[in-house]
Amino acid sequence: MKGKKNQLAGRVWAESPRVFALEELARMAETTVEVVQQYSEMGLLGEEGRQGSFGEGTLFLVRRIEQLRIEYGMPAEGAGLVLDLAARVEELEEEIRALREATGR
């Protein structure tokens, strides 16, 4: 699942270019290496997952997917969709702010 969540992760990544190995990412996200690999294979982590090194944006995504999965019982695919939608809402809110500024409202 590719989409807006990867844009959100990219913004987090651009703000802080720290890189993690797979094991470190799993530990910091409080999950297992197997879970991170599964998310990567499902396409939930974008291109970073295929490269074998992960940024803070990916850490953010894994934590959010785990939160949605554990706290709300969502399957990982559903969590990916929710993150896509949340990123799209954020993008639209930014666009609305820009339009309001341009029109003086």
N, C-alpha and C. Protein backbone atom coordinates (compact mmCIF):
# COMPACT_ATOMS: atom_id res chain seq x y z
N MET A 1 0.85 -1.17 0.00
CA MET A 1 0.00 0.00 0.00
C MET A 1 0.89 1.23 0.00
N LYS A 2 0.88 1.91 -1.11
CA LYS A 2 1.66 3.12 -1.23
C LYS A 2 0.71 4.29 -1.17
N GLY A 3 1.15 5.38 -0.60
CA GLY A 3 0.25 6.51 -0.58
C GLY A 3 0.74 7.64 0.26
N LYS A 4 -0.21 8.35 0.83
CA LYS A 4 0.06 9.57 1.57
C LYS A 4 0.89 9.33 2.82
N LYS A 5 0.75 8.16 3.45
CA LYS A 5 1.52 7.90 4.66
C LYS A 5 3.01 7.98 4.38
N ASN A 6 3.42 7.59 3.17
CA ASN A 6 4.83 7.68 2.82
C ASN A 6 5.27 9.13 2.69
N GLN A 7 4.36 10.01 2.24
CA GLN A 7 4.67 11.44 2.21
C GLN A 7 4.86 11.95 3.63
N LEU A 8 3.99 11.53 4.53
CA LEU A 8 4.09 11.93 5.93
C LEU A 8 5.40 11.43 6.52
N ALA A 9 5.73 10.20 6.27
CA ALA A 9 6.99 9.64 6.75
C ALA A 9 8.17 10.39 6.15
N GLY A 10 8.05 10.77 4.89
CA GLY A 10 9.11 11.52 4.23
C GLY A 10 9.34 12.86 4.89
N ARG A 11 8.27 13.52 5.32
CA ARG A 11 8.43 14.81 6.01
C ARG A 11 9.13 14.60 7.35
N VAL A 12 8.75 13.56 8.07
CA VAL A 12 9.41 13.26 9.34
C VAL A 12 10.89 12.95 9.08
N TRP A 13 11.16 12.18 8.03
CA TRP A 13 12.53 11.81 7.67
C TRP A 13 13.36 13.04 7.35
N ALA A 14 12.80 13.96 6.58
CA ALA A 14 13.54 15.16 6.16
C ALA A 14 13.91 16.02 7.35
N GLU A 15 13.09 16.00 8.38
CA GLU A 15 13.36 16.81 9.56
C GLU A 15 14.45 16.20 10.43
N SER A 16 14.66 14.91 10.34
CA SER A 16 15.63 14.24 11.20
C SER A 16 16.22 13.04 10.46
N PRO A 17 17.38 13.21 9.83
CA PRO A 17 17.91 12.15 8.96
C PRO A 17 18.65 11.01 9.68
N ARG A 18 18.19 10.61 10.83
CA ARG A 18 18.79 9.48 11.54
C ARG A 18 18.40 8.18 10.85
N VAL A 19 19.35 7.25 10.78
CA VAL A 19 19.11 5.98 10.09
C VAL A 19 19.28 4.83 11.08
N PHE A 20 18.38 3.83 10.97
CA PHE A 20 18.39 2.67 11.85
C PHE A 20 18.54 1.39 11.03
N ALA A 21 19.20 0.42 11.61
CA ALA A 21 19.22 -0.93 11.05
C ALA A 21 17.89 -1.60 11.43
N LEU A 22 17.56 -2.67 10.77
CA LEU A 22 16.30 -3.37 10.99
C LEU A 22 16.10 -3.73 12.47
N GLU A 23 17.11 -4.31 13.08
CA GLU A 23 17.00 -4.74 14.48
C GLU A 23 16.76 -3.55 15.41
N GLU A 24 17.47 -2.45 15.16
CA GLU A 24 17.32 -1.27 16.00
C GLU A 24 15.93 -0.66 15.82
N LEU A 25 15.46 -0.62 14.59
CA LEU A 25 14.12 -0.10 14.33
C LEU A 25 13.08 -0.91 15.07
N ALA A 26 13.17 -2.23 14.98
CA ALA A 26 12.20 -3.10 15.66
C ALA A 26 12.24 -2.87 17.17
N ARG A 27 13.43 -2.76 17.72
CA ARG A 27 13.57 -2.54 19.17
C ARG A 27 12.96 -1.20 19.56
N MET A 28 13.25 -0.15 18.81
CA MET A 28 12.74 1.18 19.13
C MET A 28 11.22 1.27 18.96
N ALA A 29 10.68 0.50 18.04
CA ALA A 29 9.23 0.48 17.81
C ALA A 29 8.54 -0.50 18.76
N GLU A 30 9.31 -1.17 19.58
CA GLU A 30 8.80 -2.13 20.55
C GLU A 30 8.01 -3.25 19.87
N THR A 31 8.63 -3.78 18.82
CA THR A 31 8.04 -4.91 18.10
C THR A 31 9.16 -5.85 17.69
N THR A 32 8.87 -6.78 16.83
CA THR A 32 9.88 -7.75 16.42
C THR A 32 10.39 -7.45 15.01
N VAL A 33 11.54 -8.01 14.71
CA VAL A 33 12.12 -7.90 13.37
C VAL A 33 11.16 -8.49 12.35
N GLU A 34 10.53 -9.60 12.70
CA GLU A 34 9.61 -10.26 11.79
C GLU A 34 8.42 -9.37 11.43
N VAL A 35 7.91 -8.64 12.42
CA VAL A 35 6.78 -7.74 12.17
C VAL A 35 7.20 -6.62 11.22
N VAL A 36 8.37 -6.03 11.46
CA VAL A 36 8.85 -4.96 10.57
C VAL A 36 9.05 -5.51 9.16
N GLN A 37 9.61 -6.70 9.05
CA GLN A 37 9.80 -7.31 7.73
C GLN A 37 8.46 -7.55 7.05
N GLN A 38 7.48 -7.99 7.80
CA GLN A 38 6.15 -8.23 7.24
C GLN A 38 5.56 -6.92 6.72
N TYR A 39 5.66 -5.85 7.49
CA TYR A 39 5.13 -4.55 7.05
C TYR A 39 5.85 -4.09 5.79
N SER A 40 7.15 -4.33 5.75
CA SER A 40 7.93 -3.95 4.58
C SER A 40 7.48 -4.74 3.35
N GLU A 41 7.31 -6.04 3.50
CA GLU A 41 6.86 -6.89 2.40
C GLU A 41 5.47 -6.52 1.92
N MET A 42 4.63 -6.01 2.84
CA MET A 42 3.28 -5.60 2.48
C MET A 42 3.28 -4.24 1.78
N GLY A 43 4.42 -3.57 1.78
CA GLY A 43 4.51 -2.26 1.15
C GLY A 43 4.08 -1.11 2.05
N LEU A 44 3.91 -1.37 3.33
CA LEU A 44 3.45 -0.34 4.26
C LEU A 44 4.55 0.65 4.64
N LEU A 45 5.80 0.30 4.38
CA LEU A 45 6.91 1.16 4.78
C LEU A 45 7.54 1.91 3.62
N GLY A 46 6.97 1.80 2.45
CA GLY A 46 7.48 2.52 1.29
C GLY A 46 8.82 1.98 0.82
N GLU A 47 9.55 2.81 0.14
CA GLU A 47 10.83 2.41 -0.46
C GLU A 47 11.91 2.12 0.56
N GLU A 48 11.87 2.83 1.68
CA GLU A 48 12.90 2.61 2.71
C GLU A 48 12.96 1.16 3.15
N GLY A 49 11.81 0.53 3.26
CA GLY A 49 11.76 -0.85 3.71
C GLY A 49 12.51 -1.80 2.79
N ARG A 50 12.56 -1.47 1.53
CA ARG A 50 13.25 -2.32 0.57
C ARG A 50 14.76 -2.11 0.60
N GLN A 51 15.21 -1.01 1.16
CA GLN A 51 16.64 -0.68 1.16
C GLN A 51 17.38 -1.27 2.36
N GLY A 52 16.67 -1.66 3.40
CA GLY A 52 17.30 -2.29 4.55
C GLY A 52 17.78 -1.33 5.62
N SER A 53 17.71 -0.04 5.36
CA SER A 53 18.00 0.95 6.40
C SER A 53 16.76 1.84 6.50
N PHE A 54 16.48 2.27 7.71
CA PHE A 54 15.21 2.93 7.98
C PHE A 54 15.44 4.25 8.69
N GLY A 55 14.64 5.24 8.35
CA GLY A 55 14.72 6.54 8.99
C GLY A 55 13.66 6.69 10.06
N GLU A 56 13.66 7.86 10.67
CA GLU A 56 12.69 8.13 11.73
C GLU A 56 11.26 8.14 11.19
N GLY A 57 11.10 8.46 9.92
CA GLY A 57 9.76 8.39 9.33
C GLY A 57 9.22 6.98 9.35
N THR A 58 10.07 6.01 9.08
CA THR A 58 9.66 4.61 9.12
C THR A 58 9.36 4.19 10.55
N LEU A 59 10.17 4.66 11.49
CA LEU A 59 9.91 4.37 12.90
C LEU A 59 8.53 4.89 13.29
N PHE A 60 8.21 6.10 12.85
CA PHE A 60 6.90 6.69 13.10
C PHE A 60 5.79 5.80 12.53
N LEU A 61 5.97 5.35 11.28
CA LEU A 61 4.96 4.50 10.65
C LEU A 61 4.77 3.19 11.40
N VAL A 62 5.86 2.53 11.75
CA VAL A 62 5.76 1.25 12.46
C VAL A 62 5.05 1.44 13.80
N ARG A 63 5.40 2.49 14.52
CA ARG A 63 4.74 2.75 15.80
C ARG A 63 3.25 2.99 15.63
N ARG A 64 2.89 3.78 14.62
CA ARG A 64 1.47 4.08 14.38
C ARG A 64 0.72 2.82 13.94
N ILE A 65 1.31 2.02 13.07
CA ILE A 65 0.65 0.79 12.63
C ILE A 65 0.45 -0.13 13.84
N GLU A 66 1.47 -0.25 14.66
CA GLU A 66 1.35 -1.10 15.86
C GLU A 66 0.28 -0.57 16.81
N GLN A 67 0.22 0.74 16.99
CA GLN A 67 -0.79 1.33 17.86
C GLN A 67 -2.19 1.01 17.35
N LEU A 68 -2.41 1.22 16.06
CA LEU A 68 -3.73 0.94 15.49
C LEU A 68 -4.05 -0.55 15.56
N ARG A 69 -3.05 -1.37 15.35
CA ARG A 69 -3.26 -2.82 15.37
C ARG A 69 -3.57 -3.32 16.78
N ILE A 70 -2.78 -2.87 17.75
CA ILE A 70 -2.93 -3.38 19.12
C ILE A 70 -4.09 -2.72 19.86
N GLU A 71 -4.15 -1.38 19.83
CA GLU A 71 -5.17 -0.68 20.61
C GLU A 71 -6.56 -0.77 20.00
N TYR A 72 -6.63 -0.83 18.66
CA TYR A 72 -7.93 -0.79 18.01
C TYR A 72 -8.27 -2.07 17.25
N GLY A 73 -7.38 -3.05 17.27
CA GLY A 73 -7.65 -4.32 16.64
C GLY A 73 -7.69 -4.29 15.13
N MET A 74 -7.05 -3.29 14.53
CA MET A 74 -7.06 -3.18 13.06
C MET A 74 -6.03 -4.11 12.45
N PRO A 75 -6.34 -4.69 11.32
CA PRO A 75 -5.29 -5.42 10.60
C PRO A 75 -4.29 -4.40 10.04
N ALA A 76 -3.09 -4.86 9.79
CA ALA A 76 -2.04 -3.97 9.31
C ALA A 76 -2.45 -3.24 8.03
N GLU A 77 -3.14 -3.93 7.12
CA GLU A 77 -3.57 -3.29 5.88
C GLU A 77 -4.52 -2.14 6.17
N GLY A 78 -5.42 -2.33 7.11
CA GLY A 78 -6.36 -1.28 7.50
C GLY A 78 -5.64 -0.11 8.14
N ALA A 79 -4.64 -0.40 8.93
CA ALA A 79 -3.84 0.65 9.56
C ALA A 79 -3.14 1.49 8.49
N GLY A 80 -2.65 0.82 7.45
CA GLY A 80 -2.02 1.55 6.35
C GLY A 80 -3.00 2.49 5.67
N LEU A 81 -4.23 2.03 5.49
CA LEU A 81 -5.26 2.86 4.88
C LEU A 81 -5.59 4.06 5.77
N VAL A 82 -5.72 3.82 7.06
CA VAL A 82 -6.01 4.91 8.01
C VAL A 82 -4.89 5.95 7.95
N LEU A 83 -3.64 5.51 7.91
CA LEU A 83 -2.52 6.44 7.85
C LEU A 83 -2.53 7.22 6.54
N ASP A 84 -2.87 6.57 5.44
CA ASP A 84 -3.01 7.27 4.16
C ASP A 84 -4.06 8.37 4.27
N LEU A 85 -5.21 8.04 4.84
CA LEU A 85 -6.29 9.01 4.96
C LEU A 85 -5.92 10.16 5.89
N ALA A 86 -5.25 9.86 6.99
CA ALA A 86 -4.82 10.91 7.92
C ALA A 86 -3.83 11.86 7.25
N ALA A 87 -2.93 11.32 6.46
CA ALA A 87 -1.97 12.16 5.75
C ALA A 87 -2.67 13.02 4.71
N ARG A 88 -3.68 12.46 4.05
CA ARG A 88 -4.44 13.23 3.05
C ARG A 88 -5.21 14.36 3.72
N VAL A 89 -5.80 14.11 4.88
CA VAL A 89 -6.50 15.15 5.63
C VAL A 89 -5.53 16.27 5.99
N GLU A 90 -4.35 15.90 6.46
CA GLU A 90 -3.34 16.90 6.81
C GLU A 90 -2.96 17.73 5.58
N GLU A 91 -2.80 17.07 4.45
CA GLU A 91 -2.47 17.76 3.21
C GLU A 91 -3.58 18.74 2.81
N LEU A 92 -4.83 18.33 2.93
CA LEU A 92 -5.95 19.20 2.60
C LEU A 92 -6.06 20.38 3.57
N GLU A 93 -5.78 20.14 4.85
CA GLU A 93 -5.79 21.23 5.82
C GLU A 93 -4.72 22.27 5.50
N GLU A 94 -3.56 21.81 5.07
CA GLU A 94 -2.50 22.74 4.66
C GLU A 94 -2.92 23.55 3.44
N GLU A 95 -3.59 22.89 2.51
CA GLU A 95 -4.07 23.57 1.31
C GLU A 95 -5.13 24.62 1.66
N ILE A 96 -6.02 24.30 2.57
CA ILE A 96 -7.05 25.25 3.01
C ILE A 96 -6.40 26.45 3.68
N ARG A 97 -5.40 26.22 4.55
CA ARG A 97 -4.69 27.34 5.19
C ARG A 97 -4.05 28.24 4.16
N ALA A 98 -3.41 27.65 3.16
CA ALA A 98 -2.75 28.43 2.12
C ALA A 98 -3.77 29.24 1.32
N LEU A 99 -4.91 28.65 1.01
CA LEU A 99 -5.95 29.38 0.27
C LEU A 99 -6.53 30.52 1.10
N ARG A 100 -6.71 30.29 2.38
CA ARG A 100 -7.22 31.36 3.26
C ARG A 100 -6.22 32.51 3.34
N GLU A 101 -4.95 32.18 3.45
CA GLU A 101 -3.93 33.23 3.47
C GLU A 101 -3.92 34.01 2.17
N ALA A 102 -4.07 33.30 1.05
CA ALA A 102 -4.05 33.95 -0.25
C ALA A 102 -5.25 34.86 -0.47
N THR A 103 -6.37 34.50 0.14
CA THR A 103 -7.58 35.31 -0.02
C THR A 103 -7.77 36.31 1.12
N GLY A 104 -6.86 36.31 2.06
CA GLY A 104 -6.93 37.26 3.18
C GLY A 104 -7.98 36.94 4.23
N ARG A 105 -8.33 35.71 4.34
CA ARG A 105 -9.34 35.30 5.35
C ARG A 105 -8.71 34.81 6.60
